[in-house]
mmCIF file of all heavy atoms, coordinates in Angstrom:
data_MODEL
# 
_entry.id   MODEL 
# 
loop_
_atom_site.group_PDB 
_atom_site.id 
_atom_site.type_symbol 
_atom_site.label_atom_id 
_atom_site.label_alt_id 
_atom_site.label_comp_id 
_atom_site.label_asym_id 
_atom_site.label_entity_id 
_atom_site.label_seq_id 
_atom_site.pdbx_PDB_ins_code 
_atom_site.Cartn_x 
_atom_site.Cartn_y 
_atom_site.Cartn_z 
_atom_site.occupancy 
_atom_site.B_iso_or_equiv 
_atom_site.pdbx_formal_charge 
_atom_site.auth_seq_id 
_atom_site.auth_comp_id 
_atom_site.auth_asym_id 
_atom_site.auth_atom_id 
_atom_site.pdbx_PDB_model_num 
ATOM 1   N N   . MET A 1 1  ? 0.807   -1.167 0.003   1.00 0.00 ? 1  MET A N   1 
ATOM 2   C CA  . MET A 1 1  ? 0.046   0.000  0.014   1.00 0.00 ? 1  MET A CA  1 
ATOM 3   C C   . MET A 1 1  ? 0.845   1.289  0.035   1.00 0.00 ? 1  MET A C   1 
ATOM 4   O O   . MET A 1 1  ? 0.504   2.230  -0.641  1.00 0.00 ? 1  MET A O   1 
ATOM 5   C CB  . MET A 1 1  ? -0.934  0.015  1.176   1.00 0.00 ? 1  MET A CB  1 
ATOM 6   C CG  . MET A 1 1  ? -2.019  -1.126 1.183   1.00 0.00 ? 1  MET A CG  1 
ATOM 7   S SD  . MET A 1 1  ? -3.020  -1.147 -0.303  1.00 0.00 ? 1  MET A SD  1 
ATOM 8   C CE  . MET A 1 1  ? -3.902  0.407  -0.164  1.00 0.00 ? 1  MET A CE  1 
ATOM 9   N N   . GLN A 1 2  ? 1.962   1.286  0.768   1.00 0.00 ? 2  GLN A N   1 
ATOM 10  C CA  . GLN A 1 2  ? 2.841   2.432  0.798   1.00 0.00 ? 2  GLN A CA  1 
ATOM 11  C C   . GLN A 1 2  ? 3.774   2.470  -0.441  1.00 0.00 ? 2  GLN A C   1 
ATOM 12  O O   . GLN A 1 2  ? 4.145   3.501  -0.961  1.00 0.00 ? 2  GLN A O   1 
ATOM 13  C CB  . GLN A 1 2  ? 3.685   2.440  2.068   1.00 0.00 ? 2  GLN A CB  1 
ATOM 14  C CG  . GLN A 1 2  ? 2.854   2.494  3.338   1.00 0.00 ? 2  GLN A CG  1 
ATOM 15  C CD  . GLN A 1 2  ? 1.988   3.657  3.375   1.00 0.00 ? 2  GLN A CD  1 
ATOM 16  O OE1 . GLN A 1 2  ? 2.376   4.805  2.999   1.00 0.00 ? 2  GLN A OE1 1 
ATOM 17  N NE2 . GLN A 1 2  ? 0.726   3.514  3.835   1.00 0.00 ? 2  GLN A NE2 1 
ATOM 18  N N   . GLY A 1 3  ? 4.155   1.220  -0.926  1.00 0.00 ? 3  GLY A N   1 
ATOM 19  C CA  . GLY A 1 3  ? 5.058   1.145  -2.011  1.00 0.00 ? 3  GLY A CA  1 
ATOM 20  C C   . GLY A 1 3  ? 4.421   1.633  -3.344  1.00 0.00 ? 3  GLY A C   1 
ATOM 21  O O   . GLY A 1 3  ? 5.170   2.086  -4.277  1.00 0.00 ? 3  GLY A O   1 
ATOM 22  N N   . ILE A 1 4  ? 3.173   1.532  -3.521  1.00 0.00 ? 4  ILE A N   1 
ATOM 23  C CA  . ILE A 1 4  ? 2.470   1.989  -4.682  1.00 0.00 ? 4  ILE A CA  1 
ATOM 24  C C   . ILE A 1 4  ? 2.762   3.480  -4.905  1.00 0.00 ? 4  ILE A C   1 
ATOM 25  O O   . ILE A 1 4  ? 3.049   3.938  -5.981  1.00 0.00 ? 4  ILE A O   1 
ATOM 26  C CB  . ILE A 1 4  ? 0.969   1.740  -4.632  1.00 0.00 ? 4  ILE A CB  1 
ATOM 27  C CG1 . ILE A 1 4  ? 0.657   0.268  -4.719  1.00 0.00 ? 4  ILE A CG1 1 
ATOM 28  C CG2 . ILE A 1 4  ? 0.208   2.495  -5.714  1.00 0.00 ? 4  ILE A CG2 1 
ATOM 29  C CD1 . ILE A 1 4  ? -0.818  -0.066 -4.538  1.00 0.00 ? 4  ILE A CD1 1 
ATOM 30  N N   . ASN A 1 5  ? 2.661   4.219  -3.817  1.00 0.00 ? 5  ASN A N   1 
ATOM 31  C CA  . ASN A 1 5  ? 3.027   5.693  -3.932  1.00 0.00 ? 5  ASN A CA  1 
ATOM 32  C C   . ASN A 1 5  ? 4.388   5.966  -4.432  1.00 0.00 ? 5  ASN A C   1 
ATOM 33  O O   . ASN A 1 5  ? 4.613   6.800  -5.258  1.00 0.00 ? 5  ASN A O   1 
ATOM 34  C CB  . ASN A 1 5  ? 2.785   6.339  -2.546  1.00 0.00 ? 5  ASN A CB  1 
ATOM 35  C CG  . ASN A 1 5  ? 1.358   6.207  -2.001  1.00 0.00 ? 5  ASN A CG  1 
ATOM 36  O OD1 . ASN A 1 5  ? 0.388   6.044  -2.835  1.00 0.00 ? 5  ASN A OD1 1 
ATOM 37  N ND2 . ASN A 1 5  ? 1.210   6.232  -0.729  1.00 0.00 ? 5  ASN A ND2 1 
ATOM 38  N N   . ILE A 1 6  ? 5.325   5.229  -3.880  1.00 0.00 ? 6  ILE A N   1 
ATOM 39  C CA  . ILE A 1 6  ? 6.744   5.377  -4.248  1.00 0.00 ? 6  ILE A CA  1 
ATOM 40  C C   . ILE A 1 6  ? 6.953   5.045  -5.742  1.00 0.00 ? 6  ILE A C   1 
ATOM 41  O O   . ILE A 1 6  ? 7.599   5.814  -6.457  1.00 0.00 ? 6  ILE A O   1 
ATOM 42  C CB  . ILE A 1 6  ? 7.660   4.543  -3.354  1.00 0.00 ? 6  ILE A CB  1 
ATOM 43  C CG1 . ILE A 1 6  ? 7.505   4.969  -1.893  1.00 0.00 ? 6  ILE A CG1 1 
ATOM 44  C CG2 . ILE A 1 6  ? 9.120   4.643  -3.824  1.00 0.00 ? 6  ILE A CG2 1 
ATOM 45  C CD1 . ILE A 1 6  ? 8.269   4.033  -0.918  1.00 0.00 ? 6  ILE A CD1 1 
ATOM 46  N N   . VAL A 1 7  ? 6.416   3.940  -6.163  1.00 0.00 ? 7  VAL A N   1 
ATOM 47  C CA  . VAL A 1 7  ? 6.579   3.464  -7.585  1.00 0.00 ? 7  VAL A CA  1 
ATOM 48  C C   . VAL A 1 7  ? 5.883   4.463  -8.522  1.00 0.00 ? 7  VAL A C   1 
ATOM 49  O O   . VAL A 1 7  ? 6.476   4.884  -9.562  1.00 0.00 ? 7  VAL A O   1 
ATOM 50  C CB  . VAL A 1 7  ? 5.969   2.076  -7.757  1.00 0.00 ? 7  VAL A CB  1 
ATOM 51  C CG1 . VAL A 1 7  ? 6.009   1.662  -9.231  1.00 0.00 ? 7  VAL A CG1 1 
ATOM 52  C CG2 . VAL A 1 7  ? 6.713   1.059  -6.899  1.00 0.00 ? 7  VAL A CG2 1 
ATOM 53  N N   . LEU A 1 8  ? 4.727   4.936  -8.158  1.00 0.00 ? 8  LEU A N   1 
ATOM 54  C CA  . LEU A 1 8  ? 4.059   5.962  -9.016  1.00 0.00 ? 8  LEU A CA  1 
ATOM 55  C C   . LEU A 1 8  ? 4.865   7.250  -9.116  1.00 0.00 ? 8  LEU A C   1 
ATOM 56  O O   . LEU A 1 8  ? 5.010   7.887  -10.175 1.00 0.00 ? 8  LEU A O   1 
ATOM 57  C CB  . LEU A 1 8  ? 2.649   6.290  -8.437  1.00 0.00 ? 8  LEU A CB  1 
ATOM 58  C CG  . LEU A 1 8  ? 1.535   5.237  -8.648  1.00 0.00 ? 8  LEU A CG  1 
ATOM 59  C CD1 . LEU A 1 8  ? 0.257   5.622  -7.916  1.00 0.00 ? 8  LEU A CD1 1 
ATOM 60  C CD2 . LEU A 1 8  ? 1.231   5.040  -10.187 1.00 0.00 ? 8  LEU A CD2 1 
ATOM 61  N N   . ASN A 1 9  ? 5.471   7.629  -7.962  1.00 0.00 ? 9  ASN A N   1 
ATOM 62  C CA  . ASN A 1 9  ? 6.311   8.861  -7.953  1.00 0.00 ? 9  ASN A CA  1 
ATOM 63  C C   . ASN A 1 9  ? 7.535   8.683  -8.814  1.00 0.00 ? 9  ASN A C   1 
ATOM 64  O O   . ASN A 1 9  ? 7.988   9.685  -9.487  1.00 0.00 ? 9  ASN A O   1 
ATOM 65  C CB  . ASN A 1 9  ? 6.651   9.137  -6.470  1.00 0.00 ? 9  ASN A CB  1 
ATOM 66  C CG  . ASN A 1 9  ? 7.302   10.513 -6.356  1.00 0.00 ? 9  ASN A CG  1 
ATOM 67  O OD1 . ASN A 1 9  ? 7.049   11.405 -7.139  1.00 0.00 ? 9  ASN A OD1 1 
ATOM 68  N ND2 . ASN A 1 9  ? 8.136   10.668 -5.329  1.00 0.00 ? 9  ASN A ND2 1 
ATOM 69  N N   . ILE A 1 10 ? 8.138   7.490  -8.803  1.00 0.00 ? 10 ILE A N   1 
ATOM 70  C CA  . ILE A 1 10 ? 9.314   7.223  -9.570  1.00 0.00 ? 10 ILE A CA  1 
ATOM 71  C C   . ILE A 1 10 ? 9.053   7.279  -11.080 1.00 0.00 ? 10 ILE A C   1 
ATOM 72  O O   . ILE A 1 10 ? 9.818   7.903  -11.882 1.00 0.00 ? 10 ILE A O   1 
ATOM 73  C CB  . ILE A 1 10 ? 9.950   5.887  -9.211  1.00 0.00 ? 10 ILE A CB  1 
ATOM 74  C CG1 . ILE A 1 10 ? 10.499  6.011  -7.787  1.00 0.00 ? 10 ILE A CG1 1 
ATOM 75  C CG2 . ILE A 1 10 ? 11.067  5.519  -10.180 1.00 0.00 ? 10 ILE A CG2 1 
ATOM 76  C CD1 . ILE A 1 10 ? 11.002  4.655  -7.222  1.00 0.00 ? 10 ILE A CD1 1 
ATOM 77  N N   . PHE A 1 11 ? 7.939   6.649  -11.522 1.00 0.00 ? 11 PHE A N   1 
ATOM 78  C CA  . PHE A 1 11 ? 7.712   6.476  -12.993 1.00 0.00 ? 11 PHE A CA  1 
ATOM 79  C C   . PHE A 1 11 ? 6.905   7.653  -13.543 1.00 0.00 ? 11 PHE A C   1 
ATOM 80  O O   . PHE A 1 11 ? 6.886   7.857  -14.762 1.00 0.00 ? 11 PHE A O   1 
ATOM 81  C CB  . PHE A 1 11 ? 6.997   5.189  -13.241 1.00 0.00 ? 11 PHE A CB  1 
ATOM 82  C CG  . PHE A 1 11 ? 7.898   3.984  -13.180 1.00 0.00 ? 11 PHE A CG  1 
ATOM 83  C CD1 . PHE A 1 11 ? 8.111   3.250  -12.046 1.00 0.00 ? 11 PHE A CD1 1 
ATOM 84  C CD2 . PHE A 1 11 ? 8.573   3.598  -14.328 1.00 0.00 ? 11 PHE A CD2 1 
ATOM 85  C CE1 . PHE A 1 11 ? 8.937   2.162  -11.960 1.00 0.00 ? 11 PHE A CE1 1 
ATOM 86  C CE2 . PHE A 1 11 ? 9.433   2.514  -14.307 1.00 0.00 ? 11 PHE A CE2 1 
ATOM 87  C CZ  . PHE A 1 11 ? 9.595   1.769  -13.135 1.00 0.00 ? 11 PHE A CZ  1 
ATOM 88  N N   . PHE A 1 12 ? 6.188   8.415  -12.717 1.00 0.00 ? 12 PHE A N   1 
ATOM 89  C CA  . PHE A 1 12 ? 5.420   9.463  -13.256 1.00 0.00 ? 12 PHE A CA  1 
ATOM 90  C C   . PHE A 1 12 ? 5.799   10.825 -12.677 1.00 0.00 ? 12 PHE A C   1 
ATOM 91  O O   . PHE A 1 12 ? 6.898   11.336 -12.991 1.00 0.00 ? 12 PHE A O   1 
ATOM 92  C CB  . PHE A 1 12 ? 3.907   9.181  -13.055 1.00 0.00 ? 12 PHE A CB  1 
ATOM 93  C CG  . PHE A 1 12 ? 3.517   7.893  -13.756 1.00 0.00 ? 12 PHE A CG  1 
ATOM 94  C CD1 . PHE A 1 12 ? 3.461   6.648  -13.078 1.00 0.00 ? 12 PHE A CD1 1 
ATOM 95  C CD2 . PHE A 1 12 ? 3.273   7.881  -15.151 1.00 0.00 ? 12 PHE A CD2 1 
ATOM 96  C CE1 . PHE A 1 12 ? 3.137   5.519  -13.729 1.00 0.00 ? 12 PHE A CE1 1 
ATOM 97  C CE2 . PHE A 1 12 ? 2.925   6.676  -15.761 1.00 0.00 ? 12 PHE A CE2 1 
ATOM 98  C CZ  . PHE A 1 12 ? 2.865   5.494  -15.089 1.00 0.00 ? 12 PHE A CZ  1 
ATOM 99  N N   . CYS A 1 13 ? 5.063   11.376 -11.757 1.00 0.00 ? 13 CYS A N   1 
ATOM 100 C CA  . CYS A 1 13 ? 5.393   12.622 -11.167 1.00 0.00 ? 13 CYS A CA  1 
ATOM 101 C C   . CYS A 1 13 ? 4.850   12.701 -9.794  1.00 0.00 ? 13 CYS A C   1 
ATOM 102 O O   . CYS A 1 13 ? 3.993   11.897 -9.347  1.00 0.00 ? 13 CYS A O   1 
ATOM 103 C CB  . CYS A 1 13 ? 4.932   13.805 -12.030 1.00 0.00 ? 13 CYS A CB  1 
ATOM 104 S SG  . CYS A 1 13 ? 3.168   13.902 -12.153 1.00 0.00 ? 13 CYS A SG  1 
ATOM 105 N N   . VAL A 1 14 ? 5.316   13.715 -9.019  1.00 0.00 ? 14 VAL A N   1 
ATOM 106 C CA  . VAL A 1 14 ? 4.883   13.796 -7.593  1.00 0.00 ? 14 VAL A CA  1 
ATOM 107 C C   . VAL A 1 14 ? 3.427   14.185 -7.492  1.00 0.00 ? 14 VAL A C   1 
ATOM 108 O O   . VAL A 1 14 ? 2.756   13.869 -6.535  1.00 0.00 ? 14 VAL A O   1 
ATOM 109 C CB  . VAL A 1 14 ? 5.722   14.884 -6.902  1.00 0.00 ? 14 VAL A CB  1 
ATOM 110 C CG1 . VAL A 1 14 ? 5.450   16.294 -7.418  1.00 0.00 ? 14 VAL A CG1 1 
ATOM 111 C CG2 . VAL A 1 14 ? 5.548   14.860 -5.353  1.00 0.00 ? 14 VAL A CG2 1 
ATOM 112 N N   . PHE A 1 15 ? 2.866   14.815 -8.595  1.00 0.00 ? 15 PHE A N   1 
ATOM 113 C CA  . PHE A 1 15 ? 1.470   15.173 -8.568  1.00 0.00 ? 15 PHE A CA  1 
ATOM 114 C C   . PHE A 1 15 ? 0.555   13.927 -8.602  1.00 0.00 ? 15 PHE A C   1 
ATOM 115 O O   . PHE A 1 15 ? -0.615  13.968 -8.220  1.00 0.00 ? 15 PHE A O   1 
ATOM 116 C CB  . PHE A 1 15 ? 1.101   16.045 -9.748  1.00 0.00 ? 15 PHE A CB  1 
ATOM 117 C CG  . PHE A 1 15 ? 1.876   17.387 -9.733  1.00 0.00 ? 15 PHE A CG  1 
ATOM 118 C CD1 . PHE A 1 15 ? 2.943   17.621 -10.566 1.00 0.00 ? 15 PHE A CD1 1 
ATOM 119 C CD2 . PHE A 1 15 ? 1.542   18.365 -8.832  1.00 0.00 ? 15 PHE A CD2 1 
ATOM 120 C CE1 . PHE A 1 15 ? 3.614   18.766 -10.513 1.00 0.00 ? 15 PHE A CE1 1 
ATOM 121 C CE2 . PHE A 1 15 ? 2.203   19.567 -8.776  1.00 0.00 ? 15 PHE A CE2 1 
ATOM 122 C CZ  . PHE A 1 15 ? 3.232   19.773 -9.639  1.00 0.00 ? 15 PHE A CZ  1 
ATOM 123 N N   . MET A 1 16 ? 1.105   12.766 -9.077  1.00 0.00 ? 16 MET A N   1 
ATOM 124 C CA  . MET A 1 16 ? 0.361   11.587 -9.090  1.00 0.00 ? 16 MET A CA  1 
ATOM 125 C C   . MET A 1 16 ? 0.039   11.129 -7.632  1.00 0.00 ? 16 MET A C   1 
ATOM 126 O O   . MET A 1 16 ? -1.025  10.488 -7.350  1.00 0.00 ? 16 MET A O   1 
ATOM 127 C CB  . MET A 1 16 ? 1.142   10.476 -9.774  1.00 0.00 ? 16 MET A CB  1 
ATOM 128 C CG  . MET A 1 16 ? 0.326   9.249  -10.226 1.00 0.00 ? 16 MET A CG  1 
ATOM 129 S SD  . MET A 1 16 ? -0.931  9.686  -11.485 1.00 0.00 ? 16 MET A SD  1 
ATOM 130 C CE  . MET A 1 16 ? 0.179   10.104 -12.845 1.00 0.00 ? 16 MET A CE  1 
ATOM 131 N N   . ASN A 1 17 ? 0.883   11.462 -6.696  1.00 0.00 ? 17 ASN A N   1 
ATOM 132 C CA  . ASN A 1 17 ? 0.633   11.130 -5.285  1.00 0.00 ? 17 ASN A CA  1 
ATOM 133 C C   . ASN A 1 17 ? -0.478  11.876 -4.762  1.00 0.00 ? 17 ASN A C   1 
ATOM 134 O O   . ASN A 1 17 ? -1.146  11.384 -3.772  1.00 0.00 ? 17 ASN A O   1 
ATOM 135 C CB  . ASN A 1 17 ? 1.922   11.392 -4.489  1.00 0.00 ? 17 ASN A CB  1 
ATOM 136 C CG  . ASN A 1 17 ? 2.973   10.356 -4.690  1.00 0.00 ? 17 ASN A CG  1 
ATOM 137 O OD1 . ASN A 1 17 ? 2.762   9.271  -5.227  1.00 0.00 ? 17 ASN A OD1 1 
ATOM 138 N ND2 . ASN A 1 17 ? 4.231   10.679 -4.341  1.00 0.00 ? 17 ASN A ND2 1 
ATOM 139 N N   . ALA A 1 18 ? -0.805  13.053 -5.224  1.00 0.00 ? 18 ALA A N   1 
ATOM 140 C CA  . ALA A 1 18 ? -1.988  13.776 -4.789  1.00 0.00 ? 18 ALA A CA  1 
ATOM 141 C C   . ALA A 1 18 ? -3.234  13.023 -5.112  1.00 0.00 ? 18 ALA A C   1 
ATOM 142 O O   . ALA A 1 18 ? -4.159  12.905 -4.319  1.00 0.00 ? 18 ALA A O   1 
ATOM 143 C CB  . ALA A 1 18 ? -1.956  15.221 -5.373  1.00 0.00 ? 18 ALA A CB  1 
ATOM 144 N N   . ALA A 1 19 ? -3.303  12.564 -6.376  1.00 0.00 ? 19 ALA A N   1 
ATOM 145 C CA  . ALA A 1 19 ? -4.464  11.715 -6.789  1.00 0.00 ? 19 ALA A CA  1 
ATOM 146 C C   . ALA A 1 19 ? -4.571  10.474 -5.950  1.00 0.00 ? 19 ALA A C   1 
ATOM 147 O O   . ALA A 1 19 ? -5.619  10.057 -5.530  1.00 0.00 ? 19 ALA A O   1 
ATOM 148 C CB  . ALA A 1 19 ? -4.388  11.410 -8.246  1.00 0.00 ? 19 ALA A CB  1 
ATOM 149 N N   . ARG A 1 20 ? -3.408  9.895  -5.752  1.00 0.00 ? 20 ARG A N   1 
ATOM 150 C CA  . ARG A 1 20 ? -3.377  8.592  -4.992  1.00 0.00 ? 20 ARG A CA  1 
ATOM 151 C C   . ARG A 1 20 ? -3.810  8.842  -3.523  1.00 0.00 ? 20 ARG A C   1 
ATOM 152 O O   . ARG A 1 20 ? -4.476  8.024  -2.921  1.00 0.00 ? 20 ARG A O   1 
ATOM 153 C CB  . ARG A 1 20 ? -1.976  8.051  -5.045  1.00 0.00 ? 20 ARG A CB  1 
ATOM 154 C CG  . ARG A 1 20 ? -1.638  6.923  -4.057  1.00 0.00 ? 20 ARG A CG  1 
ATOM 155 C CD  . ARG A 1 20 ? -2.350  5.655  -4.412  1.00 0.00 ? 20 ARG A CD  1 
ATOM 156 N NE  . ARG A 1 20 ? -1.991  4.652  -3.408  1.00 0.00 ? 20 ARG A NE  1 
ATOM 157 C CZ  . ARG A 1 20 ? -2.699  3.564  -3.137  1.00 0.00 ? 20 ARG A CZ  1 
ATOM 158 N NH1 . ARG A 1 20 ? -3.842  3.329  -3.832  1.00 0.00 ? 20 ARG A NH1 1 
ATOM 159 N NH2 . ARG A 1 20 ? -2.371  2.713  -2.279  1.00 0.00 ? 20 ARG A NH2 1 
ATOM 160 N N   . GLY A 1 21 ? -3.366  10.003 -2.962  1.00 0.00 ? 21 GLY A N   1 
ATOM 161 C CA  . GLY A 1 21 ? -3.723  10.328 -1.619  1.00 0.00 ? 21 GLY A CA  1 
ATOM 162 C C   . GLY A 1 21 ? -5.210  10.506 -1.450  1.00 0.00 ? 21 GLY A C   1 
ATOM 163 O O   . GLY A 1 21 ? -5.776  10.029 -0.426  1.00 0.00 ? 21 GLY A O   1 
ATOM 164 N N   . ILE A 1 22 ? -5.890  11.124 -2.376  1.00 0.00 ? 22 ILE A N   1 
ATOM 165 C CA  . ILE A 1 22 ? -7.333  11.331 -2.309  1.00 0.00 ? 22 ILE A CA  1 
ATOM 166 C C   . ILE A 1 22 ? -8.050  9.961  -2.343  1.00 0.00 ? 22 ILE A C   1 
ATOM 167 O O   . ILE A 1 22 ? -8.956  9.639  -1.586  1.00 0.00 ? 22 ILE A O   1 
ATOM 168 C CB  . ILE A 1 22 ? -7.833  12.220 -3.455  1.00 0.00 ? 22 ILE A CB  1 
ATOM 169 C CG1 . ILE A 1 22 ? -7.263  13.637 -3.232  1.00 0.00 ? 22 ILE A CG1 1 
ATOM 170 C CG2 . ILE A 1 22 ? -9.348  12.227 -3.559  1.00 0.00 ? 22 ILE A CG2 1 
ATOM 171 C CD1 . ILE A 1 22 ? -7.473  14.532 -4.451  1.00 0.00 ? 22 ILE A CD1 1 
ATOM 172 N N   . ALA A 1 23 ? -7.591  9.053  -3.275  1.00 0.00 ? 23 ALA A N   1 
ATOM 173 C CA  . ALA A 1 23 ? -8.164  7.727  -3.407  1.00 0.00 ? 23 ALA A CA  1 
ATOM 174 C C   . ALA A 1 23 ? -7.984  6.934  -2.153  1.00 0.00 ? 23 ALA A C   1 
ATOM 175 O O   . ALA A 1 23 ? -8.835  6.192  -1.704  1.00 0.00 ? 23 ALA A O   1 
ATOM 176 C CB  . ALA A 1 23 ? -7.598  7.016  -4.605  1.00 0.00 ? 23 ALA A CB  1 
ATOM 177 N N   . THR A 1 24 ? -6.767  7.110  -1.496  1.00 0.00 ? 24 THR A N   1 
ATOM 178 C CA  . THR A 1 24 ? -6.456  6.392  -0.284  1.00 0.00 ? 24 THR A CA  1 
ATOM 179 C C   . THR A 1 24 ? -7.392  6.841  0.859   1.00 0.00 ? 24 THR A C   1 
ATOM 180 O O   . THR A 1 24 ? -7.797  5.990  1.701   1.00 0.00 ? 24 THR A O   1 
ATOM 181 C CB  . THR A 1 24 ? -5.001  6.595  0.121   1.00 0.00 ? 24 THR A CB  1 
ATOM 182 O OG1 . THR A 1 24 ? -4.172  6.201  -0.961  1.00 0.00 ? 24 THR A OG1 1 
ATOM 183 C CG2 . THR A 1 24 ? -4.640  5.831  1.360   1.00 0.00 ? 24 THR A CG2 1 
ATOM 184 N N   . GLN A 1 25 ? -7.723  8.128  0.928   1.00 0.00 ? 25 GLN A N   1 
ATOM 185 C CA  . GLN A 1 25 ? -8.653  8.547  1.945   1.00 0.00 ? 25 GLN A CA  1 
ATOM 186 C C   . GLN A 1 25 ? -10.055 7.957  1.779   1.00 0.00 ? 25 GLN A C   1 
ATOM 187 O O   . GLN A 1 25 ? -10.690 7.532  2.729   1.00 0.00 ? 25 GLN A O   1 
ATOM 188 C CB  . GLN A 1 25 ? -8.788  10.122 1.888   1.00 0.00 ? 25 GLN A CB  1 
ATOM 189 C CG  . GLN A 1 25 ? -7.540  10.834 2.336   1.00 0.00 ? 25 GLN A CG  1 
ATOM 190 C CD  . GLN A 1 25 ? -7.761  12.288 2.409   1.00 0.00 ? 25 GLN A CD  1 
ATOM 191 O OE1 . GLN A 1 25 ? -8.714  12.814 3.045   1.00 0.00 ? 25 GLN A OE1 1 
ATOM 192 N NE2 . GLN A 1 25 ? -6.899  13.121 1.750   1.00 0.00 ? 25 GLN A NE2 1 
ATOM 193 N N   . VAL A 1 26 ? -10.528 7.903  0.580   1.00 0.00 ? 26 VAL A N   1 
ATOM 194 C CA  . VAL A 1 26 ? -11.797 7.265  0.249   1.00 0.00 ? 26 VAL A CA  1 
ATOM 195 C C   . VAL A 1 26 ? -11.700 5.799  0.711   1.00 0.00 ? 26 VAL A C   1 
ATOM 196 O O   . VAL A 1 26 ? -12.637 5.249  1.324   1.00 0.00 ? 26 VAL A O   1 
ATOM 197 C CB  . VAL A 1 26 ? -12.220 7.420  -1.217  1.00 0.00 ? 26 VAL A CB  1 
ATOM 198 C CG1 . VAL A 1 26 ? -13.471 6.616  -1.515  1.00 0.00 ? 26 VAL A CG1 1 
ATOM 199 C CG2 . VAL A 1 26 ? -12.340 8.908  -1.573  1.00 0.00 ? 26 VAL A CG2 1 
ATOM 200 N N   . GLU A 1 27 ? -10.658 5.119  0.297   1.00 0.00 ? 27 GLU A N   1 
ATOM 201 C CA  . GLU A 1 27 ? -10.474 3.686  0.536   1.00 0.00 ? 27 GLU A CA  1 
ATOM 202 C C   . GLU A 1 27 ? -10.443 3.478  2.063   1.00 0.00 ? 27 GLU A C   1 
ATOM 203 O O   . GLU A 1 27 ? -11.053 2.504  2.626   1.00 0.00 ? 27 GLU A O   1 
ATOM 204 C CB  . GLU A 1 27 ? -9.148  3.218  -0.059  1.00 0.00 ? 27 GLU A CB  1 
ATOM 205 C CG  . GLU A 1 27 ? -8.838  1.786  0.156   1.00 0.00 ? 27 GLU A CG  1 
ATOM 206 C CD  . GLU A 1 27 ? -7.549  1.339  -0.457  1.00 0.00 ? 27 GLU A CD  1 
ATOM 207 O OE1 . GLU A 1 27 ? -6.962  2.172  -1.165  1.00 0.00 ? 27 GLU A OE1 1 
ATOM 208 O OE2 . GLU A 1 27 ? -7.126  0.223  -0.228  1.00 0.00 ? 27 GLU A OE2 1 
ATOM 209 N N   . GLY A 1 28 ? -9.788  4.372  2.834   1.00 0.00 ? 28 GLY A N   1 
ATOM 210 C CA  . GLY A 1 28 ? -9.646  4.208  4.267   1.00 0.00 ? 28 GLY A CA  1 
ATOM 211 C C   . GLY A 1 28 ? -10.961 4.330  4.984   1.00 0.00 ? 28 GLY A C   1 
ATOM 212 O O   . GLY A 1 28 ? -11.275 3.587  5.968   1.00 0.00 ? 28 GLY A O   1 
ATOM 213 N N   . ILE A 1 29 ? -11.859 5.252  4.477   1.00 0.00 ? 29 ILE A N   1 
ATOM 214 C CA  . ILE A 1 29 ? -13.197 5.430  5.092   1.00 0.00 ? 29 ILE A CA  1 
ATOM 215 C C   . ILE A 1 29 ? -14.007 4.125  4.923   1.00 0.00 ? 29 ILE A C   1 
ATOM 216 O O   . ILE A 1 29 ? -14.637 3.601  5.852   1.00 0.00 ? 29 ILE A O   1 
ATOM 217 C CB  . ILE A 1 29 ? -13.925 6.605  4.446   1.00 0.00 ? 29 ILE A CB  1 
ATOM 218 C CG1 . ILE A 1 29 ? -13.185 7.881  4.821   1.00 0.00 ? 29 ILE A CG1 1 
ATOM 219 C CG2 . ILE A 1 29 ? -15.380 6.632  4.892   1.00 0.00 ? 29 ILE A CG2 1 
ATOM 220 C CD1 . ILE A 1 29 ? -13.660 9.103  4.063   1.00 0.00 ? 29 ILE A CD1 1 
# 
């Protein structure tokens, strides 16, 4: 779950983590 953020950041951009963070909040609820 944490590694997905790192891999997305490496292959794409840091802004991808913002989208991932929002999805993670929904998932957590």
